PDB file of N, CA and C in Angstrom:
ATOM      1  N   MET A   1       5.511  -4.541 -12.372  1.00  0.00           N
ATOM      2  CA  MET A   1       5.061  -4.031 -11.097  1.00  0.00           C
ATOM      3  C   MET A   1       3.943  -3.006 -11.267  1.00  0.00           C
ATOM      4  N   LEU A   2       4.041  -2.171 -12.289  1.00  0.00           N
ATOM      5  CA  LEU A   2       3.004  -1.179 -12.527  1.00  0.00           C
ATOM      6  C   LEU A   2       1.664  -1.854 -12.807  1.00  0.00           C
ATOM      7  N   TYR A   3       1.694  -2.918 -13.605  1.00  0.00           N
ATOM      8  CA  TYR A   3       0.479  -3.647 -13.966  1.00  0.00           C
ATOM      9  C   TYR A   3      -0.256  -4.143 -12.717  1.00  0.00           C
ATOM     10  N   GLU A   4       0.497  -4.602 -11.710  1.00  0.00           N
ATOM     11  CA  GLU A   4      -0.108  -5.100 -10.478  1.00  0.00           C
ATOM     12  C   GLU A   4      -0.578  -3.961  -9.573  1.00  0.00           C
ATOM     13  N   CYS A   5       0.038  -2.803  -9.704  1.00  0.00           N
ATOM     14  CA  CYS A   5      -0.301  -1.658  -8.862  1.00  0.00           C
ATOM     15  C   CYS A   5      -1.651  -1.037  -9.242  1.00  0.00           C
ATOM     16  N   LEU A   6      -1.968  -1.047 -10.517  1.00  0.00           N
ATOM     17  CA  LEU A   6      -3.160  -0.333 -10.998  1.00  0.00           C
ATOM     18  C   LEU A   6      -4.466  -0.847 -10.398  1.00  0.00           C
ATOM     19  N   PRO A   7      -4.711  -2.171 -10.338  1.00  0.00           N
ATOM     20  CA  PRO A   7      -5.963  -2.614  -9.709  1.00  0.00           C
ATOM     21  C   PRO A   7      -6.057  -2.223  -8.245  1.00  0.00           C
ATOM     22  N   VAL A   8      -4.926  -2.198  -7.553  1.00  0.00           N
ATOM     23  CA  VAL A   8      -4.920  -1.817  -6.139  1.00  0.00           C
ATOM     24  C   VAL A   8      -5.328  -0.356  -5.985  1.00  0.00           C
ATOM     25  N   VAL A   9      -4.783   0.502  -6.829  1.00  0.00           N
ATOM     26  CA  VAL A   9      -5.134   1.929  -6.790  1.00  0.00           C
ATOM     27  C   VAL A   9      -6.630   2.108  -7.037  1.00  0.00           C
ATOM     28  N   LEU A  10      -7.159   1.410  -8.034  1.00  0.00           N
ATOM     29  CA  LEU A  10      -8.586   1.545  -8.347  1.00  0.00           C
ATOM     30  C   LEU A  10      -9.462   0.897  -7.279  1.00  0.00           C
ATOM     31  N   ARG A  11      -9.002  -0.211  -6.699  1.00  0.00           N
ATOM     32  CA  ARG A  11      -9.772  -0.859  -5.632  1.00  0.00           C
ATOM     33  C   ARG A  11      -9.853   0.046  -4.413  1.00  0.00           C
ATOM     34  N   ASP A  12      -8.756   0.748  -4.115  1.00  0.00           N
ATOM     35  CA  ASP A  12      -8.745   1.641  -2.957  1.00  0.00           C
ATOM     36  C   ASP A  12      -9.681   2.837  -3.142  1.00  0.00           C
ATOM     37  N   SER A  13      -9.930   3.232  -4.389  1.00  0.00           N
ATOM     38  CA  SER A  13     -10.813   4.376  -4.635  1.00  0.00           C
ATOM     39  C   SER A  13     -12.253   3.951  -4.896  1.00  0.00           C
ATOM     40  N   PHE A  14     -12.495   2.640  -5.032  1.00  0.00           N
ATOM     41  CA  PHE A  14     -13.831   2.140  -5.367  1.00  0.00           C
ATOM     42  C   PHE A  14     -14.836   2.605  -4.338  1.00  0.00           C
ATOM     43  N   PRO A  15     -15.998   3.091  -4.735  1.00  0.00           N
ATOM     44  CA  PRO A  15     -16.637   3.077  -6.049  1.00  0.00           C
ATOM     45  C   PRO A  15     -16.395   4.341  -6.878  1.00  0.00           C
ATOM     46  N   THR A  16     -15.532   5.229  -6.409  1.00  0.00           N
ATOM     47  CA  THR A  16     -15.274   6.469  -7.146  1.00  0.00           C
ATOM     48  C   THR A  16     -14.343   6.205  -8.330  1.00  0.00           C
ATOM     49  N   PRO A  17     -14.783   6.478  -9.561  1.00  0.00           N
ATOM     50  CA  PRO A  17     -13.894   6.290 -10.714  1.00  0.00           C
ATOM     51  C   PRO A  17     -12.788   7.340 -10.724  1.00  0.00           C
ATOM     52  N   LEU A  18     -11.641   6.957 -11.270  1.00  0.00           N
ATOM     53  CA  LEU A  18     -10.507   7.861 -11.382  1.00  0.00           C
ATOM     54  C   LEU A  18     -10.146   8.039 -12.851  1.00  0.00           C
ATOM     55  N   SER A  19      -9.677   9.248 -13.196  1.00  0.00           N
ATOM     56  CA  SER A  19      -9.192   9.467 -14.552  1.00  0.00           C
ATOM     57  C   SER A  19      -7.841   8.764 -14.697  1.00  0.00           C
ATOM     58  N   THR A  20      -7.406   8.588 -15.927  1.00  0.00           N
ATOM     59  CA  THR A  20      -6.110   7.951 -16.171  1.00  0.00           C
ATOM     60  C   THR A  20      -5.001   8.714 -15.448  1.00  0.00           C
ATOM     61  N   ASP A  21      -5.029  10.036 -15.510  1.00  0.00           N
ATOM     62  CA  ASP A  21      -4.001  10.841 -14.829  1.00  0.00           C
ATOM     63  C   ASP A  21      -4.084  10.702 -13.313  1.00  0.00           C
ATOM     64  N   GLU A  22      -5.301  10.603 -12.766  1.00  0.00           N
ATOM     65  CA  GLU A  22      -5.443  10.421 -11.318  1.00  0.00           C
ATOM     66  C   GLU A  22      -4.872   9.074 -10.887  1.00  0.00           C
ATOM     67  N   VAL A  23      -5.094   8.037 -11.701  1.00  0.00           N
ATOM     68  CA  VAL A  23      -4.512   6.728 -11.394  1.00  0.00           C
ATOM     69  C   VAL A  23      -2.992   6.845 -11.390  1.00  0.00           C
ATOM     70  N   ALA A  24      -2.440   7.514 -12.400  1.00  0.00           N
ATOM     71  CA  ALA A  24      -0.981   7.701 -12.479  1.00  0.00           C
ATOM     72  C   ALA A  24      -0.461   8.454 -11.261  1.00  0.00           C
ATOM     73  N   ASP A  25      -1.200   9.463 -10.805  1.00  0.00           N
ATOM     74  CA  ASP A  25      -0.776  10.253  -9.651  1.00  0.00           C
ATOM     75  C   ASP A  25      -0.742   9.428  -8.368  1.00  0.00           C
ATOM     76  N   ARG A  26      -1.587   8.408  -8.288  1.00  0.00           N
ATOM     77  CA  ARG A  26      -1.662   7.600  -7.066  1.00  0.00           C
ATOM     78  C   ARG A  26      -0.722   6.401  -7.072  1.00  0.00           C
ATOM     79  N   CYS A  27      -0.071   6.145  -8.192  1.00  0.00           N
ATOM     80  CA  CYS A  27       0.922   5.066  -8.264  1.00  0.00           C
ATOM     81  C   CYS A  27       2.235   5.544  -7.653  1.00  0.00           C
ATOM     82  N   PRO A  28       2.941   4.653  -6.972  1.00  0.00           N
ATOM     83  CA  PRO A  28       4.262   5.044  -6.470  1.00  0.00           C
ATOM     84  C   PRO A  28       5.157   5.486  -7.627  1.00  0.00           C
ATOM     85  N   PRO A  29       5.920   6.555  -7.441  1.00  0.00           N
ATOM     86  CA  PRO A  29       6.752   7.090  -8.526  1.00  0.00           C
ATOM     87  C   PRO A  29       7.700   6.069  -9.139  1.00  0.00           C
ATOM     88  N   ALA A  30       8.176   5.114  -8.358  1.00  0.00           N
ATOM     89  CA  ALA A  30       9.123   4.125  -8.880  1.00  0.00           C
ATOM     90  C   ALA A  30       8.494   3.255  -9.964  1.00  0.00           C
ATOM     91  N   PHE A  31       7.154   3.156  -9.991  1.00  0.00           N
ATOM     92  CA  PHE A  31       6.488   2.319 -10.974  1.00  0.00           C
ATOM     93  C   PHE A  31       6.284   3.015 -12.311  1.00  0.00           C
ATOM     94  N   ILE A  32       6.449   4.336 -12.345  1.00  0.00           N
ATOM     95  CA  ILE A  32       6.312   5.093 -13.586  1.00  0.00           C
ATOM     96  C   ILE A  32       7.734   5.349 -14.084  1.00  0.00           C
ATOM     97  N   TYR A  33       8.193   4.508 -14.953  1.00  0.00           N
ATOM     98  CA  TYR A  33       9.599   4.458 -15.353  1.00  0.00           C
ATOM     99  C   TYR A  33      10.058   5.686 -16.111  1.00  0.00           C
ATOM    100  N   GLY A  34      10.565   6.674 -15.417  1.00  0.00           N
ATOM    101  CA  GLY A  34      11.216   7.820 -16.023  1.00  0.00           C
ATOM    102  C   GLY A  34      10.392   8.609 -17.018  1.00  0.00           C
ATOM    103  N   ALA A  35       9.088   8.463 -16.979  1.00  0.00           N
ATOM    104  CA  ALA A  35       8.244   9.197 -17.920  1.00  0.00           C
ATOM    105  C   ALA A  35       8.102  10.637 -17.463  1.00  0.00           C
ATOM    106  N   PRO A  36       8.141  11.586 -18.390  1.00  0.00           N
ATOM    107  CA  PRO A  36       7.856  12.971 -18.010  1.00  0.00           C
ATOM    108  C   PRO A  36       6.444  13.056 -17.418  1.00  0.00           C
ATOM    109  N   TYR A  37       6.247  13.999 -16.523  1.00  0.00           N
ATOM    110  CA  TYR A  37       4.958  14.107 -15.831  1.00  0.00           C
ATOM    111  C   TYR A  37       3.790  14.116 -16.808  1.00  0.00           C
ATOM    112  N   SER A  38       3.910  14.832 -17.911  1.00  0.00           N
ATOM    113  CA  SER A  38       2.802  14.963 -18.849  1.00  0.00           C
ATOM    114  C   SER A  38       2.498  13.663 -19.596  1.00  0.00           C
ATOM    115  N   ARG A  39       3.392  12.680 -19.555  1.00  0.00           N
ATOM    116  CA  ARG A  39       3.201  11.441 -20.308  1.00  0.00           C
ATOM    117  C   ARG A  39       2.866  10.252 -19.418  1.00  0.00           C
ATOM    118  N   ARG A  40       2.750  10.444 -18.115  1.00  0.00           N
ATOM    119  CA  ARG A  40       2.521   9.306 -17.224  1.00  0.00           C
ATOM    120  C   ARG A  40       1.193   8.626 -17.498  1.00  0.00           C
ATOM    121  N   GLY A  41       0.137   9.400 -17.722  1.00  0.00           N
ATOM    122  CA  GLY A  41      -1.156   8.810 -18.021  1.00  0.00           C
ATOM    123  C   GLY A  41      -1.115   7.990 -19.291  1.00  0.00           C
ATOM    124  N   PHE A  42      -0.412   8.487 -20.270  1.00  0.00           N
ATOM    125  CA  PHE A  42      -0.270   7.763 -21.533  1.00  0.00           C
ATOM    126  C   PHE A  42       0.458   6.439 -21.307  1.00  0.00           C
ATOM    127  N   GLN A  43       1.452   6.454 -20.439  1.00  0.00           N
ATOM    128  CA  GLN A  43       2.231   5.255 -20.176  1.00  0.00           C
ATOM    129  C   GLN A  43       1.392   4.151 -19.537  1.00  0.00           C
ATOM    130  N   ILE A  44       0.476   4.506 -18.631  1.00  0.00           N
ATOM    131  CA  ILE A  44      -0.300   3.461 -17.963  1.00  0.00           C
ATOM    132  C   ILE A  44      -1.573   3.101 -18.709  1.00  0.00           C
ATOM    133  N   TYR A  45      -1.976   3.905 -19.689  1.00  0.00           N
ATOM    134  CA  TYR A  45      -3.222   3.643 -20.407  1.00  0.00           C
ATOM    135  C   TYR A  45      -3.238   2.231 -20.993  1.00  0.00           C
ATOM    136  N   ARG A  46      -2.134   1.798 -21.596  1.00  0.00           N
ATOM    137  CA  ARG A  46      -2.102   0.473 -22.215  1.00  0.00           C
ATOM    138  C   ARG A  46      -2.263  -0.627 -21.168  1.00  0.00           C
ATOM    139  N   HIS A  47      -1.737  -0.403 -19.960  1.00  0.00           N
ATOM    140  CA  HIS A  47      -1.913  -1.385 -18.891  1.00  0.00           C
ATOM    141  C   HIS A  47      -3.375  -1.430 -18.435  1.00  0.00           C
ATOM    142  N   LEU A  48      -3.998  -0.264 -18.350  1.00  0.00           N
ATOM    143  CA  LEU A  48      -5.417  -0.224 -17.968  1.00  0.00           C
ATOM    144  C   LEU A  48      -6.279  -0.924 -19.022  1.00  0.00           C
ATOM    145  N   ARG A  49      -5.945  -0.755 -20.289  1.00  0.00           N
ATOM    146  CA  ARG A  49      -6.686  -1.438 -21.366  1.00  0.00           C
ATOM    147  C   ARG A  49      -6.538  -2.956 -21.250  1.00  0.00           C
ATOM    148  N   ALA A  50      -5.341  -3.424 -20.918  1.00  0.00           N
ATOM    149  CA  ALA A  50      -5.121  -4.868 -20.740  1.00  0.00           C
ATOM    150  C   ALA A  50      -5.939  -5.392 -19.558  1.00  0.00           C
ATOM    151  N   LEU A  51      -5.978  -4.628 -18.470  1.00  0.00           N
ATOM    152  CA  LEU A  51      -6.787  -5.016 -17.314  1.00  0.00           C
ATOM    153  C   LEU A  51      -8.267  -5.004 -17.653  1.00  0.00           C
ATOM    154  N   GLU A  52      -8.676  -4.068 -18.496  1.00  0.00           N
ATOM    155  CA  GLU A  52     -10.072  -4.007 -18.936  1.00  0.00           C
ATOM    156  C   GLU A  52     -10.437  -5.270 -19.721  1.00  0.00           C
ATOM    157  N   LYS A  53      -9.559  -5.704 -20.595  1.00  0.00           N
ATOM    158  CA  LYS A  53      -9.810  -6.919 -21.383  1.00  0.00           C
ATOM    159  C   LYS A  53      -9.923  -8.156 -20.497  1.00  0.00           C
ATOM    160  N   ARG A  54      -9.220  -8.155 -19.363  1.00  0.00           N
ATOM    161  CA  ARG A  54      -9.277  -9.281 -18.420  1.00  0.00           C
ATOM    162  C   ARG A  54     -10.458  -9.180 -17.467  1.00  0.00           C
ATOM    163  N   GLY A  55     -11.223  -8.081 -17.529  1.00  0.00           N
ATOM    164  CA  GLY A  55     -12.399  -7.927 -16.680  1.00  0.00           C
ATOM    165  C   GLY A  55     -12.086  -7.493 -15.264  1.00  0.00           C
ATOM    166  N   ILE A  56     -10.930  -6.882 -15.059  1.00  0.00           N
ATOM    167  CA  ILE A  56     -10.536  -6.442 -13.724  1.00  0.00           C
ATOM    168  C   ILE A  56     -10.928  -4.988 -13.472  1.00  0.00           C
ATOM    169  N   VAL A  57     -10.877  -4.170 -14.524  1.00  0.00           N
ATOM    170  CA  VAL A  57     -11.290  -2.770 -14.438  1.00  0.00           C
ATOM    171  C   VAL A  57     -12.213  -2.469 -15.611  1.00  0.00           C
ATOM    172  N   ALA A  58     -12.912  -1.345 -15.517  1.00  0.00           N
ATOM    173  CA  ALA A  58     -13.814  -0.929 -16.597  1.00  0.00           C
ATOM    174  C   ALA A  58     -13.723   0.576 -16.784  1.00  0.00           C
ATOM    175  N   ARG A  59     -13.959   0.999 -18.022  1.00  0.00           N
ATOM    176  CA  ARG A  59     -14.020   2.437 -18.303  1.00  0.00           C
ATOM    177  C   ARG A  59     -15.385   2.966 -17.899  1.00  0.00           C
ATOM    178  N   CYS A  60     -15.407   4.183 -17.413  1.00  0.00           N
ATOM    179  CA  CYS A  60     -16.640   4.853 -17.009  1.00  0.00           C
ATOM    180  C   CYS A  60     -16.769   6.131 -17.834  1.00  0.00           C
ATOM    181  N   PRO A  61     -17.495   6.072 -18.930  1.00  0.00           N
ATOM    182  CA  PRO A  61     -17.617   7.281 -19.754  1.00  0.00           C
ATOM    183  C   PRO A  61     -18.381   8.382 -19.013  1.00  0.00           C
ATOM    184  N   ARG A  62     -17.952   9.593 -19.262  1.00  0.00           N
ATOM    185  CA  ARG A  62     -18.628  10.760 -18.697  1.00  0.00           C
ATOM    186  C   ARG A  62     -18.983  11.696 -19.835  1.00  0.00           C
ATOM    187  N   GLU A  63     -20.194  12.184 -19.800  1.00  0.00           N
ATOM    188  CA  GLU A  63     -20.668  13.077 -20.844  1.00  0.00           C
ATOM    189  C   GLU A  63     -19.906  14.399 -20.791  1.00  0.00           C
ATOM    190  N   ASN A  64     -19.555  14.910 -21.947  1.00  0.00           N
ATOM    191  CA  ASN A  64     -18.853  16.195 -22.086  1.00  0.00           C
ATOM    192  C   ASN A  64     -17.483  16.206 -21.401  1.00  0.00           C
ATOM    193  N   ASP A  65     -16.836  15.066 -21.323  1.00  0.00           N
ATOM    194  CA  ASP A  65     -15.507  14.997 -20.746  1.00  0.00           C
ATOM    195  C   ASP A  65     -14.662  14.071 -21.604  1.00  0.00           C
ATOM    196  N   ARG A  66     -13.557  14.580 -22.120  1.00  0.00           N
ATOM    197  CA  ARG A  66     -12.719  13.792 -23.013  1.00  0.00           C
ATOM    198  C   ARG A  66     -11.820  12.817 -22.256  1.00  0.00           C
ATOM    199  N   ARG A  67     -11.652  13.049 -20.964  1.00  0.00           N
ATOM    200  CA  ARG A  67     -10.796  12.160 -20.180  1.00  0.00           C
ATOM    201  C   ARG A  67     -11.433  10.782 -20.048  1.00  0.00           C
ATOM    202  N   VAL A  68     -10.593   9.786 -19.847  1.00  0.00           N
ATOM    203  CA  VAL A  68     -11.067   8.421 -19.626  1.00  0.00           C
ATOM    204  C   VAL A  68     -11.028   8.155 -18.128  1.00  0.00           C
ATOM    205  N   PHE A  69     -12.148   7.684 -17.592  1.00  0.00           N
ATOM    206  CA  PHE A  69     -12.248   7.341 -16.178  1.00  0.00           C
ATOM    207  C   PHE A  69     -12.331   5.828 -16.045  1.00  0.00           C
ATOM    208  N   TRP A  70     -11.771   5.320 -14.960  1.00  0.00           N
ATOM    209  CA  TRP A  70     -11.681   3.889 -14.729  1.00  0.00           C
ATOM    210  C   TRP A  70     -12.219   3.542 -13.354  1.00  0.00           C
ATOM    211  N   THR A  71     -12.773   2.332 -13.242  1.00  0.00           N
ATOM    212  CA  THR A  71     -13.219   1.833 -11.952  1.00  0.00           C
ATOM    213  C   THR A  71     -12.838   0.367 -11.820  1.00  0.00           C
ATOM    214  N   TYR A  72     -12.694  -0.060 -10.607  1.00  0.00           N
ATOM    215  CA  TYR A  72     -12.396  -1.456 -10.287  1.00  0.00           C
ATOM    216  C   TYR A  72     -13.682  -2.261 -10.374  1.00  0.00           C
ATOM    217  N   LEU A  73     -13.607  -3.471 -10.911  1.00  0.00           N
ATOM    218  CA  LEU A  73     -14.756  -4.372 -10.946  1.00  0.00           C
ATOM    219  C   LEU A  73     -14.599  -5.381  -9.806  1.00  0.00           C
ATOM    220  N   PRO A  74     -15.430  -5.265  -8.768  1.00  0.00           N
ATOM    221  CA  PRO A  74     -15.279  -6.140  -7.605  1.00  0.00           C
ATOM    222  C   PRO A  74     -15.391  -7.618  -7.983  1.00  0.00           C
ATOM    223  N   ASP A  75     -14.571  -8.431  -7.345  1.00  0.00           N
ATOM    224  CA  ASP A  75     -14.564  -9.876  -7.529  1.00  0.00           C
ATOM    225  C   ASP A  75     -14.358 -10.470  -6.140  1.00  0.00           C
ATOM    226  N   ALA A  76     -15.367 -11.184  -5.642  1.00  0.00           N
ATOM    227  CA  ALA A  76     -15.327 -11.696  -4.270  1.00  0.00           C
ATOM    228  C   ALA A  76     -14.108 -12.582  -4.033  1.00  0.00           C
ATOM    229  N   ASP A  77     -13.750 -13.429  -4.986  1.00  0.00           N
ATOM    230  CA  ASP A  77     -12.602 -14.323  -4.806  1.00  0.00           C
ATOM    231  C   ASP A  77     -11.303 -13.534  -4.704  1.00  0.00           C
ATOM    232  N   VAL A  78     -11.121 -12.591  -5.615  1.00  0.00           N
ATOM    233  CA  VAL A  78      -9.901 -11.792  -5.618  1.00  0.00           C
ATOM    234  C   VAL A  78      -9.831 -10.925  -4.370  1.00  0.00           C
ATOM    235  N   ASP A  79     -10.935 -10.277  -4.021  1.00  0.00           N
ATOM    236  CA  ASP A  79     -10.938  -9.412  -2.844  1.00  0.00           C
ATOM    237  C   ASP A  79     -10.652 -10.207  -1.578  1.00  0.00           C
ATOM    238  N   GLY A  80     -11.196 -11.416  -1.479  1.00  0.00           N
ATOM    239  CA  GLY A  80     -10.929 -12.265  -0.319  1.00  0.00           C
ATOM    240  C   GLY A  80      -9.467 -12.653  -0.227  1.00  0.00           C
ATOM    241  N   GLU A  81      -8.869 -12.965  -1.372  1.00  0.00           N
ATOM    242  CA  GLU A  81      -7.453 -13.317  -1.398  1.00  0.00           C
ATOM    243  C   GLU A  81      -6.582 -12.124  -1.002  1.00  0.00           C
ATOM    244  N   ILE A  82      -6.937 -10.940  -1.484  1.00  0.00           N
ATOM    245  CA  ILE A  82      -6.181  -9.735  -1.143  1.00  0.00           C
ATOM    246  C   ILE A  82      -6.278  -9.454   0.355  1.00  0.00           C
ATOM    247  N   GLU A  83      -7.470  -9.596   0.923  1.00  0.00           N
ATOM    248  CA  GLU A  83      -7.635  -9.367   2.357  1.00  0.00           C
ATOM    249  C   GLU A  83      -6.830 -10.376   3.180  1.00  0.00           C
ATOM    250  N   ALA A  84      -6.798 -11.635   2.737  1.00  0.00           N
ATOM    251  CA  ALA A  84      -6.019 -12.655   3.442  1.00  0.00           C
ATOM    252  C   ALA A  84      -4.529 -12.330   3.377  1.00  0.00           C
ATOM    253  N   LEU A  85      -4.049 -11.915   2.205  1.00  0.00           N
ATOM    254  CA  LEU A  85      -2.642 -11.549   2.064  1.00  0.00           C
ATOM    255  C   LEU A  85      -2.302 -10.313   2.895  1.00  0.00           C
ATOM    256  N   ASP A  86      -3.217  -9.341   2.927  1.00  0.00           N
ATOM    257  CA  ASP A  86      -2.998  -8.156   3.768  1.00  0.00           C
ATOM    258  C   ASP A  86      -2.890  -8.543   5.244  1.00  0.00           C
ATOM    259  N   ALA A  87      -3.749  -9.477   5.684  1.00  0.00           N
ATOM    260  CA  ALA A  87      -3.725  -9.910   7.083  1.00  0.00           C
ATOM    261  C   ALA A  87      -2.401 -10.618   7.401  1.00  0.00           C
ATOM    262  N   ILE A  88      -1.940 -11.456   6.485  1.00  0.00           N
ATOM    263  CA  ILE A  88      -0.653 -12.139   6.685  1.00  0.00           C
ATOM    264  C   ILE A  88       0.472 -11.120   6.779  1.00  0.00           C
ATOM    265  N   TRP A  89       0.423 -10.129   5.897  1.00  0.00           N
ATOM    266  CA  TRP A  89       1.469  -9.095   5.882  1.00  0.00           C
ATOM    267  C   TRP A  89       1.467  -8.325   7.209  1.00  0.00           C
ATOM    268  N   GLU A  90       0.294  -7.918   7.645  1.00  0.00           N
ATOM    269  CA  GLU A  90       0.184  -7.161   8.889  1.00  0.00           C
ATOM    270  C   GLU A  90       0.672  -7.992  10.083  1.00  0.00           C
ATOM    271  N   ALA A  91       0.358  -9.282  10.089  1.00  0.00           N
ATOM    272  CA  ALA A  91       0.775 -10.147  11.178  1.00  0.00           C
ATOM    273  C   ALA A  91       2.290 -10.327  11.217  1.00  0.00           C
ATOM    274  N   SER A  92       2.923 -10.237  10.053  1.00  0.00           N
ATOM    275  CA  SER A  92       4.374 -10.459  10.006  1.00  0.00           C
ATOM    276  C   SER A  92       5.170  -9.208  10.365  1.00  0.00           C
ATOM    277  N   CYS A  93       4.526  -8.063  10.415  1.00  0.00           N
ATOM    278  CA  CYS A  93       5.250  -6.809  10.713  1.00  0.00           C
ATOM    279  C   CYS A  93       5.379  -6.558  12.187  1.00  0.00           C
TER     280      CYS A  93
END
């Protein structure tokens, strides 16, 4: 569930990149499995790296900043599918 949540968090903030900790802060707490607050970013980092390899997100390096920032890579097909699913969900409520 966490893996699926991360692109949504980054898509909602697009085009503003978020640090790993900011992404963790915006995930629902239930998706961060019992990790101490200080380790949440570390826990999701591996998921963000997997998404990066699939071309869904990208790292955004910043000069003089050791933190890792991430951004969503827009994909018209995926975004269209997400919008259609959102519309179906809204119609069913």
